[in-house]
Amino acid sequence: MATIETPQTEEKVNWLAEIRGLAIMLMAVLAFHSLVAKPFYIPSTSMMPNLWVGDRLVVSKYPYGWSWASASFHLLPRSDWRVWPATPEYGDIVIPVHPLRDEDYIKRVVALPGDTIEVRDGHIILNGTQIKREVVPAVRLPFEPELMCKDGPCLASFEQFRETGPDGSDYFAPPTWRETLPNGATYLTIDYRDQDLDNYGPYTVPEDNVFVMGDNRDQSADSRAAAIENGLGDGVPLANIGGRAEFITFSLDGSTTWNPVSWFTSLRGDRAWRTLRPPLAEGAAAK
């Protein structure tokens, strides 16, 4: 006996449910980026030699509490409120928002609330005492033509320090210093010319503010520079800090193209997973 097949009705897509699910997923991502952590890209040389153009980082959002600056894409209006506030430590690398524009910077904390900071001939003086600053062997920064000039400061400024190694590869070796802050946090800086920002202050950091500087002292618009000159205009309110840089996830040398092979050849493998928390100098007590 022949059987008669009953045609199946096509199940309709519940577009409302699909859109609702997508919205919930986007909200979860936005919440994670605003409250826990988000990725960050380094576009300039202002934090060399510790952060290179092309580095990708993870920035944690909770170390200093939450404020309007924590929200991704700066969706909240500016204000001075903070939830579960905390103060950065000397040497932390933080993400301040420019006082006039919704633009994220990345700088190092060198003075805390109540400190009096002065810069004389490039030397930081905190509360009347010059911090330890010593010359060290020059760092070697790779010569990468694709990154010679990007928006803002560029690697071309290091051209006078370009050298060729025994293997025939070129690199930059700019004058390098090691600074050590009062808590023992120590890090490298680059400083090779006299310029206006080598002299600043004295300035007393207000309550709920910090003073920040870039590690590449000759190419950093930071607390030493006025806001109208792209700087941060003295102390940075803690409510304007959107997080703390934690570690590098991966880094690209600028040679990435549409070719999938270049996605791998452009990787700087030795930079992945580097911590961005400053080490403590020998003999310094960890908190």
Protein backbone atom coordinates (compact mmCIF):
# COMPACT_ATOMS: atom_id res chain seq x y z
CA MET A 1 0.00 0.00 0.00
CA ALA A 2 1.38 3.38 -0.96
CA THR A 3 1.78 5.93 1.79
CA ILE A 4 1.02 9.56 1.37
CA GLU A 5 3.68 11.91 2.73
CA THR A 6 2.41 14.92 4.59
CA PRO A 7 4.38 18.00 3.61
CA GLN A 8 6.19 19.55 6.56
CA THR A 9 5.61 23.17 7.28
CA GLU A 10 8.76 25.26 7.38
CA GLU A 11 9.52 26.49 10.90
CA LYS A 12 9.49 30.26 11.06
CA VAL A 13 12.46 32.13 12.51
CA ASN A 14 11.60 34.10 15.63
CA TRP A 15 13.44 37.27 14.67
CA LEU A 16 12.43 39.03 17.88
CA ALA A 17 14.11 36.32 19.95
CA GLU A 18 17.20 36.41 17.72
CA ILE A 19 17.52 40.19 18.08
CA ARG A 20 16.96 39.95 21.82
CA GLY A 21 19.70 37.32 22.13
CA LEU A 22 22.10 39.44 20.10
CA ALA A 23 21.33 42.50 22.24
CA ILE A 24 21.96 40.55 25.44
CA MET A 25 25.29 39.30 24.06
CA LEU A 26 26.37 42.83 23.09
CA MET A 27 25.37 44.16 26.50
CA ALA A 28 27.39 41.42 28.19
CA VAL A 29 30.47 42.30 26.12
CA LEU A 30 30.02 46.01 26.87
CA ALA A 31 29.63 45.27 30.59
CA PHE A 32 32.78 43.12 30.58
CA HIS A 33 34.75 45.83 28.75
CA SER A 34 33.48 48.50 31.16
CA LEU A 35 33.76 46.64 34.47
CA VAL A 36 36.43 43.95 34.09
CA ALA A 37 38.93 44.36 31.23
CA LYS A 38 39.30 45.53 27.64
CA PRO A 39 41.92 45.38 24.86
CA PHE A 40 44.11 48.40 24.12
CA TYR A 41 46.34 49.25 21.15
CA ILE A 42 49.57 51.29 21.29
CA PRO A 43 49.64 53.75 18.36
CA SER A 44 52.58 56.00 19.33
CA THR A 45 56.10 55.99 20.75
CA SER A 46 55.32 57.93 23.96
CA MET A 47 55.85 54.89 26.23
CA MET A 48 58.95 53.48 24.57
CA PRO A 49 61.09 51.58 25.41
CA ASN A 50 58.54 49.66 27.48
CA LEU A 51 55.61 49.81 25.06
CA TRP A 52 56.15 49.63 21.30
CA VAL A 53 53.96 50.84 18.48
CA GLY A 54 51.84 47.82 17.55
CA ASP A 55 51.61 46.29 21.04
CA ARG A 56 48.18 44.99 22.06
CA LEU A 57 47.43 45.06 25.79
CA VAL A 58 44.87 44.04 28.35
CA VAL A 59 43.66 46.90 30.56
CA SER A 60 41.89 45.98 33.79
CA LYS A 61 39.01 48.25 34.81
CA TYR A 62 38.63 47.55 38.54
CA PRO A 63 41.97 48.33 40.32
CA TYR A 64 41.00 51.93 41.16
CA GLY A 65 37.24 51.44 41.29
CA TRP A 66 34.83 52.57 38.58
CA SER A 67 33.93 55.99 37.22
CA TRP A 68 32.54 57.55 34.06
CA ALA A 69 35.92 56.84 32.41
CA SER A 70 35.48 53.10 32.93
CA ALA A 71 32.63 52.85 30.44
CA SER A 72 33.74 51.69 27.01
CA PHE A 73 33.36 54.20 24.18
CA HIS A 74 32.92 56.93 26.86
CA LEU A 75 29.18 56.45 26.89
CA LEU A 76 28.72 58.15 30.29
CA PRO A 77 28.89 61.92 30.89
CA ARG A 78 31.96 63.28 32.66
CA SER A 79 31.70 63.50 36.42
CA ASP A 80 33.79 63.17 39.60
CA TRP A 81 31.98 60.17 41.14
CA ARG A 82 33.82 56.91 41.82
CA VAL A 83 32.63 53.54 43.09
CA TRP A 84 34.96 51.60 45.43
CA PRO A 85 37.74 54.14 44.82
CA ALA A 86 41.42 53.30 45.18
CA THR A 87 44.64 55.16 44.44
CA PRO A 88 47.28 53.99 41.94
CA GLU A 89 50.77 53.14 43.12
CA TYR A 90 53.98 54.74 41.93
CA GLY A 91 54.97 53.22 38.60
CA ASP A 92 51.53 51.97 37.55
CA ILE A 93 50.77 52.35 33.84
CA VAL A 94 47.30 53.87 33.62
CA ILE A 95 44.76 54.97 31.00
CA PRO A 96 43.86 58.65 31.59
CA VAL A 97 41.25 60.34 29.43
CA HIS A 98 42.20 63.71 27.96
CA PRO A 99 40.53 66.56 29.92
CA LEU A 100 39.01 68.15 26.80
CA ARG A 101 38.50 65.22 24.42
CA ASP A 102 37.20 61.68 24.79
CA GLU A 103 40.61 60.29 23.89
CA ASP A 104 42.45 57.63 25.88
CA TYR A 105 46.13 58.15 26.72
CA ILE A 106 48.54 55.70 28.34
CA LYS A 107 51.11 57.00 30.84
CA ARG A 108 53.01 56.09 34.01
CA VAL A 109 52.12 57.40 37.47
CA VAL A 110 55.12 59.26 38.92
CA ALA A 111 53.46 61.34 41.67
CA LEU A 112 50.53 60.68 44.00
CA PRO A 113 47.99 62.95 45.74
CA GLY A 114 49.74 65.44 48.02
CA ASP A 115 53.18 64.99 46.40
CA THR A 116 55.10 68.01 45.20
CA ILE A 117 56.75 67.21 41.90
CA GLU A 118 59.37 69.17 40.01
CA VAL A 119 61.29 68.31 36.86
CA ARG A 120 64.71 69.89 36.41
CA ASP A 121 66.86 69.08 33.38
CA GLY A 122 64.83 65.90 32.94
CA HIS A 123 65.28 64.73 36.53
CA ILE A 124 62.17 64.11 38.66
CA ILE A 125 62.23 65.66 42.12
CA LEU A 126 59.58 64.35 44.52
CA ASN A 127 58.91 66.22 47.74
CA GLY A 128 62.31 67.89 47.53
CA THR A 129 64.30 64.70 46.83
CA GLN A 130 65.55 63.71 43.39
CA ILE A 131 64.49 60.16 42.53
CA LYS A 132 67.19 57.67 41.60
CA ARG A 133 68.06 58.00 37.91
CA GLU A 134 71.04 56.26 36.36
CA VAL A 135 72.40 55.73 32.87
CA VAL A 136 72.14 52.14 31.63
CA PRO A 137 73.18 50.46 28.37
CA ALA A 138 71.06 51.70 25.49
CA VAL A 139 68.02 49.59 24.66
CA ARG A 140 67.86 48.09 21.18
CA LEU A 141 64.66 48.93 19.34
CA PRO A 142 64.16 47.17 16.00
CA PHE A 143 64.22 49.17 12.80
CA GLU A 144 60.80 48.54 11.28
CA PRO A 145 60.17 50.67 8.17
CA GLU A 146 56.41 50.16 8.29
CA LEU A 147 56.29 51.92 11.66
CA MET A 148 58.69 54.74 10.90
CA CYS A 149 55.85 57.26 10.95
CA LYS A 150 52.31 56.87 12.21
CA ASP A 151 49.86 59.40 13.64
CA GLY A 152 51.69 61.46 16.25
CA PRO A 153 55.32 60.83 17.28
CA CYS A 154 57.16 58.31 15.13
CA LEU A 155 60.24 56.13 15.09
CA ALA A 156 61.93 58.42 12.57
CA SER A 157 62.96 60.61 15.51
CA PHE A 158 65.40 57.85 16.54
CA GLU A 159 67.18 57.91 13.17
CA GLN A 160 70.30 59.51 14.70
CA PHE A 161 70.67 56.43 16.92
CA ARG A 162 70.36 53.88 14.14
CA GLU A 163 73.03 51.18 14.11
CA THR A 164 73.70 47.93 12.25
CA GLY A 165 74.28 44.72 14.16
CA PRO A 166 76.74 41.91 13.35
CA ASP A 167 73.95 40.03 11.57
CA GLY A 168 73.34 42.98 9.24
CA SER A 169 70.00 44.02 10.78
CA ASP A 170 69.39 47.63 11.77
CA TYR A 171 68.17 48.82 15.14
CA PHE A 172 67.88 52.02 17.19
CA ALA A 173 69.93 52.47 20.36
CA PRO A 174 68.75 55.74 22.00
CA PRO A 175 70.18 56.93 25.34
CA THR A 176 68.46 54.99 28.12
CA TRP A 177 67.97 55.67 31.82
CA ARG A 178 66.62 53.65 34.73
CA GLU A 179 64.39 55.49 37.18
CA THR A 180 63.34 54.19 40.60
CA LEU A 181 60.36 55.68 42.46
CA PRO A 182 59.97 55.87 46.26
CA ASN A 183 58.15 52.50 46.50
CA GLY A 184 60.96 50.76 44.59
CA ALA A 185 59.11 50.57 41.26
CA THR A 186 61.78 50.73 38.57
CA TYR A 187 61.56 51.09 34.79
CA LEU A 188 63.49 52.31 31.75
CA THR A 189 63.08 55.69 30.08
CA ILE A 190 64.44 57.32 26.92
CA ASP A 191 65.76 60.89 27.11
CA TYR A 192 68.18 62.25 24.52
CA ARG A 193 67.60 65.98 23.98
CA ASP A 194 66.92 69.23 25.81
CA GLN A 195 63.34 70.44 25.43
CA ASP A 196 60.80 72.61 27.24
CA LEU A 197 59.18 69.76 29.14
CA ASP A 198 62.51 68.89 30.78
CA ASN A 199 61.74 71.66 33.27
CA TYR A 200 58.42 71.83 35.12
CA GLY A 201 56.98 72.93 38.45
CA PRO A 202 57.16 72.69 41.36
CA TYR A 203 53.55 71.50 41.41
CA THR A 204 51.60 69.96 44.31
CA VAL A 205 49.31 67.18 43.13
CA PRO A 206 45.74 67.84 44.35
CA GLU A 207 43.70 65.35 46.34
CA ASP A 208 42.22 62.59 44.15
CA ASN A 209 44.70 63.37 41.35
CA VAL A 210 47.90 61.78 40.10
CA PHE A 211 50.74 63.11 37.95
CA VAL A 212 51.68 61.00 34.92
CA MET A 213 54.51 60.99 32.40
CA GLY A 214 55.45 58.97 29.33
CA ASP A 215 58.60 56.83 29.43
CA ASN A 216 59.82 58.37 26.16
CA ARG A 217 60.35 61.76 27.78
CA ASP A 218 61.08 63.70 24.58
CA GLN A 219 57.94 62.52 22.77
CA SER A 220 55.21 62.42 25.38
CA ALA A 221 52.29 64.81 25.81
CA ASP A 222 51.55 64.16 29.49
CA SER A 223 50.92 66.01 32.76
CA ARG A 224 53.81 68.37 32.01
CA ALA A 225 52.03 69.78 28.94
CA ALA A 226 48.93 71.97 28.78
CA ALA A 227 45.67 70.38 27.64
CA ILE A 228 45.43 72.76 24.66
CA GLU A 229 48.86 71.45 23.57
CA ASN A 230 47.56 67.84 23.60
CA GLY A 231 48.94 67.29 27.10
CA LEU A 232 47.01 66.32 30.22
CA GLY A 233 47.34 69.68 31.95
CA ASP A 234 49.00 68.97 35.34
CA GLY A 235 47.26 66.53 37.70
CA VAL A 236 44.87 63.92 36.31
CA PRO A 237 41.67 63.41 38.36
CA LEU A 238 41.35 59.78 39.42
CA ALA A 239 37.81 59.85 38.03
CA ASN A 240 39.40 60.39 34.60
CA ILE A 241 41.46 57.17 34.76
CA GLY A 242 39.82 54.28 32.94
CA GLY A 243 42.03 51.43 34.09
CA ARG A 244 45.49 49.93 34.54
CA ALA A 245 47.63 48.24 31.87
CA GLU A 246 48.36 44.65 32.89
CA PHE A 247 50.14 42.68 30.16
CA ILE A 248 50.82 42.48 26.43
CA THR A 249 48.75 39.88 24.58
CA PHE A 250 50.50 40.13 21.19
CA SER A 251 52.41 42.63 19.09
CA LEU A 252 52.64 43.35 15.34
CA ASP A 253 55.55 45.01 13.57
CA GLY A 254 53.44 46.88 11.00
CA SER A 255 54.05 44.57 8.05
CA THR A 256 50.64 42.86 8.28
CA THR A 257 48.72 42.78 4.97
CA TRP A 258 45.72 40.96 3.48
CA ASN A 259 47.93 37.91 2.99
CA PRO A 260 47.20 35.44 5.84
CA VAL A 261 50.88 34.46 5.94
CA SER A 262 51.75 38.00 7.07
CA TRP A 263 49.43 37.61 10.04
CA PHE A 264 52.04 35.29 11.47
CA THR A 265 55.28 36.70 10.06
CA SER A 266 54.46 40.17 11.45
CA LEU A 267 54.09 38.86 15.01
CA ARG A 268 56.73 39.88 17.53
CA GLY A 269 56.65 36.60 19.37
CA ASP A 270 58.99 37.61 22.18
CA ARG A 271 56.66 40.40 23.36
CA ALA A 272 53.56 38.30 24.02
CA TRP A 273 52.45 37.93 27.66
CA ARG A 274 54.92 40.44 29.06
CA THR A 275 53.69 41.91 32.32
CA LEU A 276 53.38 45.69 32.50
CA ARG A 277 53.58 45.90 36.27
CA PRO A 278 56.92 47.54 37.16
CA PRO A 279 59.40 45.35 39.00
CA LEU A 280 60.74 46.46 42.37
CA ALA A 281 64.34 47.48 42.74
CA GLU A 282 66.56 45.15 44.73
CA GLY A 283 65.99 45.70 48.43
CA ALA A 284 62.58 47.33 48.02
CA ALA A 285 59.78 45.82 50.07
CA ALA A 286 56.76 44.59 48.14
CA LYS A 287 53.38 45.80 49.39
